[in-house]
């Protein structure tokens, strides 16, 4: 969803128009992606060809002296609103956003920062069990308040909401269910050395068990840290993540990943990611999941062709393996 295109609307839709008489500009962007999926041989895949479309509207203007932005996203999987966010920029005091699924801030923005030419190494793998987060962190982005600001050379993004984290999917998590409150935050900087970007984050996420099981806590701890280094056409990345499961009999997860991406020529890039997750099972031997991902992409103008090959052993801390091949043609407008 790049290359925003003017659609000639001079008044911001919905609530912004009700609060401001100033003319603002509405913009729209969209994308269409045709895909081919070849999943594991023991899975019934049906027709391997599919199509995904998405369109986003964004409008901004001044409301009571503050720059305010409304973003609305729709995709073909939903008959109505898919996600939306409303943000108020207070200048030096920072920006406050109410996020309904866009994913503008918090810990989940850095859940996997390994460099990739297309998707993450866990994309399109079999869904994680409800008791597992697949080594990913964050409270979700649905119905949360986000605060972001820059302090010197450091970027801060934190969020607060009610409920718990659920299993992460590609580029989005949900924040539904659970008891009590959740918060998480991420801090990043690129000021320490040329080409180096580092970041870390922490969160306490409601787990839906604290008031039901004696001896368990009502929140889990999520934490991660990453570093990427770019020199010439090469970008290297390393990340460690830990999720402490504080329910009775819970399974803590510790993930370690590394990756490399190379720009072979203008518009053409390739990458390799490897990620291991240790499931510290109570009362039994620990199990390590090992996943790899290889990606190739070529971008020319607003069109992109990409290939992603992912494989995993001991998926979700079990004994099964999974693999997926995706070939995609994407168009942005």
C-alpha atoms as a PDB file:
ATOM      1  CA  UNK A   1       0.000   0.000   0.000  1.00  0.00           C
ATOM      2  CA  UNK A   2       2.449   2.593  -1.184  1.00  0.00           C
ATOM      3  CA  UNK A   3       2.250   5.380  -3.702  1.00  0.00           C
ATOM      4  CA  UNK A   4      -0.696   7.273  -2.228  1.00  0.00           C
ATOM      5  CA  UNK A   5      -3.001   8.667  -4.851  1.00  0.00           C
ATOM      6  CA  UNK A   6      -5.188  11.771  -4.464  1.00  0.00           C
ATOM      7  CA  UNK A   7      -8.886  11.122  -4.826  1.00  0.00           C
ATOM      8  CA  UNK A   8     -10.031  14.752  -4.668  1.00  0.00           C
ATOM      9  CA  UNK A   9     -12.012  14.710  -1.447  1.00  0.00           C
ATOM     10  CA  UNK A  10     -11.690  18.010   0.436  1.00  0.00           C
ATOM     11  CA  UNK A  11     -13.378  17.101   3.714  1.00  0.00           C
ATOM     12  CA  UNK A  12     -12.360  14.358   6.097  1.00  0.00           C
ATOM     13  CA  UNK A  13     -14.941  11.625   6.468  1.00  0.00           C
ATOM     14  CA  UNK A  14     -16.688  10.686   9.705  1.00  0.00           C
ATOM     15  CA  UNK A  15     -15.728  12.139  13.043  1.00  0.00           C
ATOM     16  CA  UNK A  16     -12.978  14.453  11.806  1.00  0.00           C
ATOM     17  CA  UNK A  17     -15.382  16.382   9.603  1.00  0.00           C
ATOM     18  CA  UNK A  18     -17.693  16.831  12.559  1.00  0.00           C
ATOM     19  CA  UNK A  19     -15.006  18.508  14.647  1.00  0.00           C
ATOM     20  CA  UNK A  20     -13.150  20.663  12.119  1.00  0.00           C
ATOM     21  CA  UNK A  21     -14.201  23.154   9.508  1.00  0.00           C
ATOM     22  CA  UNK A  22     -10.745  23.186   7.913  1.00  0.00           C
ATOM     23  CA  UNK A  23     -10.420  21.575   4.499  1.00  0.00           C
ATOM     24  CA  UNK A  24      -8.251  18.463   4.489  1.00  0.00           C
ATOM     25  CA  UNK A  25      -7.085  16.109   1.812  1.00  0.00           C
ATOM     26  CA  UNK A  26      -8.174  12.495   1.667  1.00  0.00           C
ATOM     27  CA  UNK A  27      -5.797  10.057   0.022  1.00  0.00           C
ATOM     28  CA  UNK A  28      -6.172   6.451  -1.026  1.00  0.00           C
ATOM     29  CA  UNK A  29      -3.774   3.611  -1.701  1.00  0.00           C
ATOM     30  CA  UNK A  30      -4.378   0.030  -2.643  1.00  0.00           C
ATOM     31  CA  UNK A  31      -2.832  -3.255  -3.650  1.00  0.00           C
ATOM     32  CA  UNK A  32      -3.769  -6.470  -5.422  1.00  0.00           C
ATOM     33  CA  UNK A  33      -1.854  -9.721  -5.026  1.00  0.00           C
ATOM     34  CA  UNK A  34      -2.261 -12.948  -6.995  1.00  0.00           C
ATOM     35  CA  UNK A  35      -0.707 -15.935  -5.215  1.00  0.00           C
ATOM     36  CA  UNK A  36       0.134 -19.591  -5.709  1.00  0.00           C
ATOM     37  CA  UNK A  37       0.505 -21.726  -2.552  1.00  0.00           C
ATOM     38  CA  UNK A  38       1.974 -25.216  -2.389  1.00  0.00           C
ATOM     39  CA  UNK A  39       1.548 -26.502   1.163  1.00  0.00           C
ATOM     40  CA  UNK A  40       2.720 -29.637   2.944  1.00  0.00           C
ATOM     41  CA  UNK A  41       2.005 -32.858   1.022  1.00  0.00           C
ATOM     42  CA  UNK A  42      -0.294 -34.220   3.768  1.00  0.00           C
ATOM     43  CA  UNK A  43      -2.539 -31.134   3.689  1.00  0.00           C
ATOM     44  CA  UNK A  44      -5.641 -30.725   1.545  1.00  0.00           C
ATOM     45  CA  UNK A  45      -5.029 -27.412  -0.202  1.00  0.00           C
ATOM     46  CA  UNK A  46      -7.774 -27.273  -2.840  1.00  0.00           C
ATOM     47  CA  UNK A  47      -7.204 -24.620  -5.475  1.00  0.00           C
ATOM     48  CA  UNK A  48      -3.651 -23.298  -4.936  1.00  0.00           C
ATOM     49  CA  UNK A  49      -4.365 -20.013  -6.744  1.00  0.00           C
ATOM     50  CA  UNK A  50      -5.868 -17.026  -4.973  1.00  0.00           C
ATOM     51  CA  UNK A  51      -6.109 -13.256  -4.905  1.00  0.00           C
ATOM     52  CA  UNK A  52      -5.988 -10.664  -2.145  1.00  0.00           C
ATOM     53  CA  UNK A  53      -6.941  -7.022  -2.526  1.00  0.00           C
ATOM     54  CA  UNK A  54      -6.723  -4.146  -0.069  1.00  0.00           C
ATOM     55  CA  UNK A  55      -7.496  -0.440  -0.065  1.00  0.00           C
ATOM     56  CA  UNK A  56      -6.665   2.179   2.562  1.00  0.00           C
ATOM     57  CA  UNK A  57      -8.008   5.683   3.041  1.00  0.00           C
ATOM     58  CA  UNK A  58      -6.163   8.313   5.031  1.00  0.00           C
ATOM     59  CA  UNK A  59      -7.100  11.881   5.855  1.00  0.00           C
ATOM     60  CA  UNK A  60      -5.422  14.454   8.055  1.00  0.00           C
ATOM     61  CA  UNK A  61      -6.131  17.976   9.228  1.00  0.00           C
ATOM     62  CA  UNK A  62      -5.974  20.296  12.187  1.00  0.00           C
ATOM     63  CA  UNK A  63      -8.469  19.693  15.004  1.00  0.00           C
ATOM     64  CA  UNK A  64      -8.404  22.207  17.878  1.00  0.00           C
ATOM     65  CA  UNK A  65      -4.806  23.062  17.047  1.00  0.00           C
ATOM     66  CA  UNK A  66      -3.531  19.473  16.793  1.00  0.00           C
ATOM     67  CA  UNK A  67      -2.670  17.528  13.647  1.00  0.00           C
ATOM     68  CA  UNK A  68      -5.122  14.643  13.503  1.00  0.00           C
ATOM     69  CA  UNK A  69      -5.052  11.647  11.161  1.00  0.00           C
ATOM     70  CA  UNK A  70      -7.707   9.038  10.408  1.00  0.00           C
ATOM     71  CA  UNK A  71      -6.787   5.802   8.624  1.00  0.00           C
ATOM     72  CA  UNK A  72      -9.313   3.217   7.405  1.00  0.00           C
ATOM     73  CA  UNK A  73      -8.285  -0.087   5.813  1.00  0.00           C
ATOM     74  CA  UNK A  74     -10.527  -2.553   3.995  1.00  0.00           C
ATOM     75  CA  UNK A  75      -9.611  -5.854   2.373  1.00  0.00           C
ATOM     76  CA  UNK A  76     -11.479  -8.469   0.404  1.00  0.00           C
ATOM     77  CA  UNK A  77     -11.768 -10.827   3.360  1.00  0.00           C
ATOM     78  CA  UNK A  78     -14.165  -8.459   5.108  1.00  0.00           C
ATOM     79  CA  UNK A  79     -17.477  -7.001   4.011  1.00  0.00           C
ATOM     80  CA  UNK A  80     -16.940  -3.909   6.152  1.00  0.00           C
ATOM     81  CA  UNK A  81     -14.222  -2.226   8.159  1.00  0.00           C
ATOM     82  CA  UNK A  82     -11.040  -4.295   8.487  1.00  0.00           C
ATOM     83  CA  UNK A  83      -8.996  -1.960  10.667  1.00  0.00           C
ATOM     84  CA  UNK A  84      -8.709   1.703  11.536  1.00  0.00           C
ATOM     85  CA  UNK A  85      -6.724   4.155  13.635  1.00  0.00           C
ATOM     86  CA  UNK A  86      -7.206   7.723  14.858  1.00  0.00           C
ATOM     87  CA  UNK A  87      -4.130   9.684  15.944  1.00  0.00           C
ATOM     88  CA  UNK A  88      -3.507  13.113  17.460  1.00  0.00           C
ATOM     89  CA  UNK A  89      -0.026  14.615  17.106  1.00  0.00           C
ATOM     90  CA  UNK A  90       0.808  16.895  20.051  1.00  0.00           C
ATOM     91  CA  UNK A  91       4.228  17.957  18.781  1.00  0.00           C
ATOM     92  CA  UNK A  92       6.953  17.689  21.421  1.00  0.00           C
ATOM     93  CA  UNK A  93       4.499  16.000  23.778  1.00  0.00           C
ATOM     94  CA  UNK A  94       4.253  13.031  21.405  1.00  0.00           C
ATOM     95  CA  UNK A  95       1.490  11.320  19.474  1.00  0.00           C
ATOM     96  CA  UNK A  96      -1.540   9.473  20.871  1.00  0.00           C
ATOM     97  CA  UNK A  97      -3.360   6.898  18.721  1.00  0.00           C
ATOM     98  CA  UNK A  98      -6.385   4.698  19.200  1.00  0.00           C
ATOM     99  CA  UNK A  99      -5.622   1.586  17.164  1.00  0.00           C
ATOM    100  CA  UNK A 100      -8.278  -0.836  15.986  1.00  0.00           C
ATOM    101  CA  UNK A 101      -6.097  -3.412  14.280  1.00  0.00           C
ATOM    102  CA  UNK A 102      -3.750  -1.316  12.094  1.00  0.00           C
ATOM    103  CA  UNK A 103      -0.700  -2.137  14.234  1.00  0.00           C
ATOM    104  CA  UNK A 104       0.868   1.302  14.635  1.00  0.00           C
ATOM    105  CA  UNK A 105       2.850   0.735  17.822  1.00  0.00           C
ATOM    106  CA  UNK A 106       3.978  -1.357  20.744  1.00  0.00           C
ATOM    107  CA  UNK A 107       5.960  -4.534  21.126  1.00  0.00           C
ATOM    108  CA  UNK A 108       4.477  -6.394  18.167  1.00  0.00           C
ATOM    109  CA  UNK A 109       6.079  -3.879  15.760  1.00  0.00           C
ATOM    110  CA  UNK A 110       9.448  -5.488  16.568  1.00  0.00           C
ATOM    111  CA  UNK A 111       8.343  -9.111  17.073  1.00  0.00           C
ATOM    112  CA  UNK A 112      10.459 -10.217  14.086  1.00  0.00           C
ATOM    113  CA  UNK A 113      13.009  -7.749  12.696  1.00  0.00           C
ATOM    114  CA  UNK A 114      15.137 -10.245  10.790  1.00  0.00           C
ATOM    115  CA  UNK A 115      15.861  -8.914   7.278  1.00  0.00           C
ATOM    116  CA  UNK A 116      13.811 -10.597   4.565  1.00  0.00           C
ATOM    117  CA  UNK A 117      13.253 -10.114   0.854  1.00  0.00           C
ATOM    118  CA  UNK A 118       9.553 -10.949   1.277  1.00  0.00           C
ATOM    119  CA  UNK A 119       7.873 -12.654   4.261  1.00  0.00           C
ATOM    120  CA  UNK A 120       8.975 -13.972   7.652  1.00  0.00           C
ATOM    121  CA  UNK A 121      10.233 -17.546   8.047  1.00  0.00           C
ATOM    122  CA  UNK A 122       7.073 -18.499   9.990  1.00  0.00           C
ATOM    123  CA  UNK A 123       4.599 -17.082   7.478  1.00  0.00           C
ATOM    124  CA  UNK A 124       1.968 -19.561   6.157  1.00  0.00           C
ATOM    125  CA  UNK A 125       3.011 -22.281   8.593  1.00  0.00           C
ATOM    126  CA  UNK A 126       0.279 -24.203  10.407  1.00  0.00           C
ATOM    127  CA  UNK A 127      -1.380 -22.002  13.022  1.00  0.00           C
ATOM    128  CA  UNK A 128       0.073 -22.084  16.512  1.00  0.00           C
ATOM    129  CA  UNK A 129      -1.873 -23.856  19.248  1.00  0.00           C
ATOM    130  CA  UNK A 130      -3.968 -21.653  21.499  1.00  0.00           C
ATOM    131  CA  UNK A 131      -1.448 -22.188  24.295  1.00  0.00           C
ATOM    132  CA  UNK A 132       1.487 -21.056  22.160  1.00  0.00           C
ATOM    133  CA  UNK A 133       2.546 -17.713  20.680  1.00  0.00           C
ATOM    134  CA  UNK A 134       5.011 -19.346  18.261  1.00  0.00           C
ATOM    135  CA  UNK A 135       7.891 -17.436  19.831  1.00  0.00           C
ATOM    136  CA  UNK A 136       6.336 -14.056  19.025  1.00  0.00           C
ATOM    137  CA  UNK A 137       5.474 -11.274  21.447  1.00  0.00           C
ATOM    138  CA  UNK A 138       2.984  -8.472  21.922  1.00  0.00           C
ATOM    139  CA  UNK A 139      -0.450  -7.797  23.372  1.00  0.00           C
ATOM    140  CA  UNK A 140      -2.166  -7.238  20.034  1.00  0.00           C
ATOM    141  CA  UNK A 141      -3.332  -4.114  18.257  1.00  0.00           C
ATOM    142  CA  UNK A 142      -7.108  -4.293  18.526  1.00  0.00           C
ATOM    143  CA  UNK A 143      -8.779  -1.654  20.705  1.00  0.00           C
ATOM    144  CA  UNK A 144      -5.587  -0.253  22.276  1.00  0.00           C
ATOM    145  CA  UNK A 145      -4.237   3.201  23.056  1.00  0.00           C
ATOM    146  CA  UNK A 146      -0.743   3.919  21.720  1.00  0.00           C
ATOM    147  CA  UNK A 147       1.699   6.643  22.797  1.00  0.00           C
ATOM    148  CA  UNK A 148       4.794   7.358  20.699  1.00  0.00           C
ATOM    149  CA  UNK A 149       7.552   9.953  20.942  1.00  0.00           C
ATOM    150  CA  UNK A 150      11.212  10.539  20.179  1.00  0.00           C
ATOM    151  CA  UNK A 151      13.635  11.232  23.023  1.00  0.00           C
ATOM    152  CA  UNK A 152      16.961  12.332  21.609  1.00  0.00           C
ATOM    153  CA  UNK A 153      17.934   9.619  19.140  1.00  0.00           C
ATOM    154  CA  UNK A 154      15.622   7.002  20.641  1.00  0.00           C
ATOM    155  CA  UNK A 155      12.123   6.154  19.414  1.00  0.00           C
ATOM    156  CA  UNK A 156       9.566   5.033  21.993  1.00  0.00           C
ATOM    157  CA  UNK A 157       6.233   3.343  21.299  1.00  0.00           C
ATOM    158  CA  UNK A 158       4.024   1.976  24.065  1.00  0.00           C
ATOM    159  CA  UNK A 159       0.454   0.773  24.227  1.00  0.00           C
ATOM    160  CA  UNK A 160      -2.181  -0.083  26.812  1.00  0.00           C
ATOM    161  CA  UNK A 161      -5.372  -2.110  26.553  1.00  0.00           C
ATOM    162  CA  UNK A 162      -7.685  -4.618  28.150  1.00  0.00           C
ATOM    163  CA  UNK A 163      -7.420  -8.318  27.520  1.00  0.00           C
ATOM    164  CA  UNK A 164      -4.775 -10.740  26.347  1.00  0.00           C
ATOM    165  CA  UNK A 165      -2.546 -11.563  23.424  1.00  0.00           C
ATOM    166  CA  UNK A 166      -3.554 -14.267  20.970  1.00  0.00           C
ATOM    167  CA  UNK A 167      -1.480 -16.254  18.512  1.00  0.00           C
ATOM    168  CA  UNK A 168       0.347 -13.979  16.092  1.00  0.00           C
ATOM    169  CA  UNK A 169      -0.428 -14.154  12.399  1.00  0.00           C
ATOM    170  CA  UNK A 170       1.241 -12.459   9.469  1.00  0.00           C
ATOM    171  CA  UNK A 171       1.829  -8.787  10.374  1.00  0.00           C
ATOM    172  CA  UNK A 172      -1.102  -8.594  12.817  1.00  0.00           C
ATOM    173  CA  UNK A 173      -2.232  -9.840  16.200  1.00  0.00           C
ATOM    174  CA  UNK A 174      -5.512  -9.566  18.019  1.00  0.00           C
ATOM    175  CA  UNK A 175      -6.145  -8.242  21.508  1.00  0.00           C
ATOM    176  CA  UNK A 176      -9.321 -10.011  22.609  1.00  0.00           C
ATOM    177  CA  UNK A 177     -10.315 -11.927  25.726  1.00  0.00           C
ATOM    178  CA  UNK A 178      -8.416 -12.140  28.967  1.00  0.00           C
ATOM    179  CA  UNK A 179      -8.846 -10.526  32.360  1.00  0.00           C
ATOM    180  CA  UNK A 180      -7.231  -7.361  33.614  1.00  0.00           C
ATOM    181  CA  UNK A 181      -5.017  -4.944  31.716  1.00  0.00           C
ATOM    182  CA  UNK A 182      -2.066  -5.321  29.372  1.00  0.00           C
ATOM    183  CA  UNK A 183       0.764  -3.047  28.337  1.00  0.00           C
ATOM    184  CA  UNK A 184       3.867  -3.306  26.178  1.00  0.00           C
ATOM    185  CA  UNK A 185       6.462  -1.004  24.651  1.00  0.00           C
ATOM    186  CA  UNK A 186       9.339  -0.913  22.156  1.00  0.00           C
ATOM    187  CA  UNK A 187      12.439   1.314  22.009  1.00  0.00           C
ATOM    188  CA  UNK A 188      14.592   1.552  18.862  1.00  0.00           C
ATOM    189  CA  UNK A 189      17.526   3.638  17.662  1.00  0.00           C
ATOM    190  CA  UNK A 190      19.837   3.887  14.640  1.00  0.00           C
ATOM    191  CA  UNK A 191      22.242   6.388  16.239  1.00  0.00           C
ATOM    192  CA  UNK A 192      24.880   4.092  17.736  1.00  0.00           C
ATOM    193  CA  UNK A 193      26.830   3.386  14.522  1.00  0.00           C
ATOM    194  CA  UNK A 194      26.442   3.750  10.777  1.00  0.00           C
ATOM    195  CA  UNK A 195      24.244   0.994   9.401  1.00  0.00           C
ATOM    196  CA  UNK A 196      23.344  -0.353  12.859  1.00  0.00           C
ATOM    197  CA  UNK A 197      19.775  -0.435  14.197  1.00  0.00           C
ATOM    198  CA  UNK A 198      18.976  -1.897  17.613  1.00  0.00           C
ATOM    199  CA  UNK A 199      15.810  -2.212  19.632  1.00  0.00           C
ATOM    200  CA  UNK A 200      14.238  -3.873  22.635  1.00  0.00           C
ATOM    201  CA  UNK A 201      10.811  -4.207  24.152  1.00  0.00           C
ATOM    202  CA  UNK A 202       8.887  -5.547  27.129  1.00  0.00           C
ATOM    203  CA  UNK A 203       5.271  -6.227  28.036  1.00  0.00           C
ATOM    204  CA  UNK A 204       2.976  -7.715  30.680  1.00  0.00           C
ATOM    205  CA  UNK A 205       0.060  -9.346  28.890  1.00  0.00           C
ATOM    206  CA  UNK A 206      -3.195 -10.586  30.451  1.00  0.00           C
ATOM    207  CA  UNK A 207      -3.384 -14.366  30.059  1.00  0.00           C
ATOM    208  CA  UNK A 208      -7.030 -15.157  30.930  1.00  0.00           C
ATOM    209  CA  UNK A 209      -6.049 -17.536  33.750  1.00  0.00           C
ATOM    210  CA  UNK A 210      -5.052 -15.514  36.790  1.00  0.00           C
ATOM    211  CA  UNK A 211      -8.435 -15.461  38.493  1.00  0.00           C
ATOM    212  CA  UNK A 212      -9.352 -19.016  37.513  1.00  0.00           C
ATOM    213  CA  UNK A 213      -6.368 -21.131  38.549  1.00  0.00           C
ATOM    214  CA  UNK A 214      -4.995 -20.914  42.068  1.00  0.00           C
ATOM    215  CA  UNK A 215      -1.301 -20.074  42.083  1.00  0.00           C
ATOM    216  CA  UNK A 216      -1.142 -18.672  38.570  1.00  0.00           C
ATOM    217  CA  UNK A 217      -0.529 -15.035  37.702  1.00  0.00           C
ATOM    218  CA  UNK A 218      -2.909 -12.984  35.593  1.00  0.00           C
ATOM    219  CA  UNK A 219      -0.191 -11.698  33.231  1.00  0.00           C
ATOM    220  CA  UNK A 220       2.617 -13.201  31.127  1.00  0.00           C
ATOM    221  CA  UNK A 221       5.910 -11.417  30.502  1.00  0.00           C
ATOM    222  CA  UNK A 222       6.983 -10.764  26.899  1.00  0.00           C
ATOM    223  CA  UNK A 223      10.425  -9.430  25.946  1.00  0.00           C
ATOM    224  CA  UNK A 224      12.611  -9.170  22.857  1.00  0.00           C
ATOM    225  CA  UNK A 225      15.795  -7.514  21.580  1.00  0.00           C
ATOM    226  CA  UNK A 226      17.207  -7.262  18.064  1.00  0.00           C
ATOM    227  CA  UNK A 227      20.072  -5.802  16.052  1.00  0.00           C
ATOM    228  CA  UNK A 228      20.413  -5.324  12.298  1.00  0.00           C
ATOM    229  CA  UNK A 229      23.514  -4.130  10.472  1.00  0.00           C
ATOM    230  CA  UNK A 230      23.637  -2.966   6.860  1.00  0.00           C
ATOM    231  CA  UNK A 231      26.817  -2.560   4.854  1.00  0.00           C
ATOM    232  CA  UNK A 232      26.628  -2.047   1.115  1.00  0.00           C
ATOM    233  CA  UNK A 233      24.046  -4.431  -0.374  1.00  0.00           C
ATOM    234  CA  UNK A 234      24.060  -6.773   2.662  1.00  0.00           C
ATOM    235  CA  UNK A 235      21.899  -6.599   5.803  1.00  0.00           C
ATOM    236  CA  UNK A 236      22.485  -8.938   8.748  1.00  0.00           C
ATOM    237  CA  UNK A 237      20.059  -9.461  11.625  1.00  0.00           C
ATOM    238  CA  UNK A 238      19.912 -11.186  15.007  1.00  0.00           C
ATOM    239  CA  UNK A 239      17.059 -11.382  17.526  1.00  0.00           C
ATOM    240  CA  UNK A 240      16.266 -13.032  20.856  1.00  0.00           C
ATOM    241  CA  UNK A 241      12.772 -13.292  22.308  1.00  0.00           C
ATOM    242  CA  UNK A 242      11.301 -14.729  25.491  1.00  0.00           C
ATOM    243  CA  UNK A 243       7.721 -15.223  26.643  1.00  0.00           C
ATOM    244  CA  UNK A 244       7.184 -16.272  30.262  1.00  0.00           C
ATOM    245  CA  UNK A 245       3.983 -18.295  30.617  1.00  0.00           C
ATOM    246  CA  UNK A 246       2.739 -17.689  34.174  1.00  0.00           C
ATOM    247  CA  UNK A 247      -0.246 -20.040  34.056  1.00  0.00           C
ATOM    248  CA  UNK A 248      -0.116 -23.311  35.985  1.00  0.00           C
ATOM    249  CA  UNK A 249       1.652 -25.866  33.791  1.00  0.00           C
ATOM    250  CA  UNK A 250       2.410 -23.157  31.240  1.00  0.00           C
ATOM    251  CA  UNK A 251       5.182 -23.485  28.658  1.00  0.00           C
ATOM    252  CA  UNK A 252       7.719 -20.630  28.476  1.00  0.00           C
ATOM    253  CA  UNK A 253       9.080 -19.959  24.979  1.00  0.00           C
ATOM    254  CA  UNK A 254      12.539 -18.673  24.035  1.00  0.00           C
ATOM    255  CA  UNK A 255      13.276 -17.853  20.397  1.00  0.00           C
ATOM    256  CA  UNK A 256      16.596 -17.107  18.703  1.00  0.00           C
ATOM    257  CA  UNK A 257      16.800 -16.025  15.086  1.00  0.00           C
ATOM    258  CA  UNK A 258      19.272 -14.724  12.552  1.00  0.00           C
ATOM    259  CA  UNK A 259      18.960 -13.650   8.950  1.00  0.00           C
ATOM    260  CA  UNK A 260      20.750 -12.175   5.969  1.00  0.00           C
ATOM    261  CA  UNK A 261      19.344 -10.244   3.015  1.00  0.00           C
ATOM    262  CA  UNK A 262      21.298  -9.203  -0.084  1.00  0.00           C
ATOM    263  CA  UNK A 263      20.377  -6.749  -2.853  1.00  0.00           C
ATOM    264  CA  UNK A 264      21.800  -8.532  -5.890  1.00  0.00           C
ATOM    265  CA  UNK A 265      20.961  -5.709  -8.278  1.00  0.00           C
ATOM    266  CA  UNK A 266      18.478  -2.861  -8.553  1.00  0.00           C
ATOM    267  CA  UNK A 267      15.072  -4.249  -7.552  1.00  0.00           C
ATOM    268  CA  UNK A 268      16.326  -7.815  -6.993  1.00  0.00           C
ATOM    269  CA  UNK A 269      16.947  -9.173  -3.483  1.00  0.00           C
ATOM    270  CA  UNK A 270      17.309 -12.545  -1.767  1.00  0.00           C
ATOM    271  CA  UNK A 271      17.274 -13.547   1.905  1.00  0.00           C
ATOM    272  CA  UNK A 272      17.697 -16.456   4.309  1.00  0.00           C
ATOM    273  CA  UNK A 273      16.271 -16.668   7.861  1.00  0.00           C
ATOM    274  CA  UNK A 274      16.706 -19.304  10.556  1.00  0.00           C
ATOM    275  CA  UNK A 275      14.693 -19.292  13.770  1.00  0.00           C
ATOM    276  CA  UNK A 276      14.673 -21.710  16.712  1.00  0.00           C
ATOM    277  CA  UNK A 277      12.083 -21.756  19.506  1.00  0.00           C
ATOM    278  CA  UNK A 278      12.662 -23.705  22.728  1.00  0.00           C
ATOM    279  CA  UNK A 279       9.452 -24.829  24.425  1.00  0.00           C
ATOM    280  CA  UNK A 280      10.264 -25.414  28.117  1.00  0.00           C
ATOM    281  CA  UNK A 281       7.522 -27.928  28.830  1.00  0.00           C
ATOM    282  CA  UNK A 282       6.685 -28.579  32.468  1.00  0.00           C
ATOM    283  CA  UNK A 283       7.334 -32.156  33.565  1.00  0.00           C
ATOM    284  CA  UNK A 284       8.732 -33.314  30.225  1.00  0.00           C
ATOM    285  CA  UNK A 285      11.703 -32.815  27.942  1.00  0.00           C
ATOM    286  CA  UNK A 286      12.093 -29.456  26.294  1.00  0.00           C
ATOM    287  CA  UNK A 287      11.337 -29.352  22.571  1.00  0.00           C
ATOM    288  CA  UNK A 288      13.042 -27.091  20.016  1.00  0.00           C
ATOM    289  CA  UNK A 289      11.226 -25.955  16.898  1.00  0.00           C
ATOM    290  CA  UNK A 290      13.495 -25.126  13.957  1.00  0.00           C
ATOM    291  CA  UNK A 291      12.182 -23.036  11.081  1.00  0.00           C
ATOM    292  CA  UNK A 292      13.899 -21.661   7.977  1.00  0.00           C
ATOM    293  CA  UNK A 293      12.797 -19.306   5.249  1.00  0.00           C
ATOM    294  CA  UNK A 294      14.276 -18.449   1.838  1.00  0.00           C
ATOM    295  CA  UNK A 295      12.885 -15.525  -0.140  1.00  0.00           C
ATOM    296  CA  UNK A 296      13.493 -13.926  -3.534  1.00  0.00           C
ATOM    297  CA  UNK A 297      11.809 -10.774  -4.803  1.00  0.00           C
ATOM    298  CA  UNK A 298      12.045  -8.500  -7.818  1.00  0.00           C
ATOM    299  CA  UNK A 299      10.442  -5.057  -7.817  1.00  0.00           C
ATOM    300  CA  UNK A 300       9.931  -2.935 -10.907  1.00  0.00           C
ATOM    301  CA  UNK A 301       7.949   0.227 -10.385  1.00  0.00           C
ATOM    302  CA  UNK A 302       4.668  -0.633  -8.652  1.00  0.00           C
ATOM    303  CA  UNK A 303       4.886  -4.348  -9.491  1.00  0.00           C
ATOM    304  CA  UNK A 304       6.640  -7.041  -7.471  1.00  0.00           C
ATOM    305  CA  UNK A 305       7.219 -10.746  -8.022  1.00  0.00           C
ATOM    306  CA  UNK A 306       8.195 -12.765  -4.943  1.00  0.00           C
ATOM    307  CA  UNK A 307       8.935 -16.379  -4.003  1.00  0.00           C
ATOM    308  CA  UNK A 308       8.938 -17.635  -0.410  1.00  0.00           C
ATOM    309  CA  UNK A 309       9.940 -21.155   0.730  1.00  0.00           C
ATOM    310  CA  UNK A 310       9.408 -21.906   4.450  1.00  0.00           C
ATOM    311  CA  UNK A 311      10.013 -25.130   6.377  1.00  0.00           C
ATOM    312  CA  UNK A 312       9.672 -26.037  10.063  1.00  0.00           C
ATOM    313  CA  UNK A 313      10.416 -29.117  12.217  1.00  0.00           C
ATOM    314  CA  UNK A 314       8.807 -29.856  15.609  1.00  0.00           C
ATOM    315  CA  UNK A 315       6.166 -27.298  14.746  1.00  0.00           C
ATOM    316  CA  UNK A 316       4.667 -25.539  17.776  1.00  0.00           C
ATOM    317  CA  UNK A 317       6.735 -27.693  20.141  1.00  0.00           C
ATOM    318  CA  UNK A 318       5.235 -30.926  18.808  1.00  0.00           C
ATOM    319  CA  UNK A 319       6.555 -33.629  16.508  1.00  0.00           C
ATOM    320  CA  UNK A 320       5.130 -32.579  13.144  1.00  0.00           C
ATOM    321  CA  UNK A 321       6.823 -30.732  10.301  1.00  0.00           C
ATOM    322  CA  UNK A 322       5.376 -28.261   7.838  1.00  0.00           C
ATOM    323  CA  UNK A 323       6.414 -26.478   4.668  1.00  0.00           C
ATOM    324  CA  UNK A 324       4.974 -23.916   2.298  1.00  0.00           C
ATOM    325  CA  UNK A 325       5.907 -22.390  -1.054  1.00  0.00           C
ATOM    326  CA  UNK A 326       4.367 -19.108  -2.142  1.00  0.00           C
ATOM    327  CA  UNK A 327       4.703 -17.361  -5.493  1.00  0.00           C
ATOM    328  CA  UNK A 328       3.099 -13.915  -5.617  1.00  0.00           C
ATOM    329  CA  UNK A 329       2.564 -11.095  -8.057  1.00  0.00           C
ATOM    330  CA  UNK A 330       1.722  -7.810  -6.288  1.00  0.00           C
ATOM    331  CA  UNK A 331       0.554  -4.521  -7.789  1.00  0.00           C
ATOM    332  CA  UNK A 332       0.354  -1.270  -5.822  1.00  0.00           C
ATOM    333  CA  UNK A 333      -1.550   1.843  -6.765  1.00  0.00           C
END
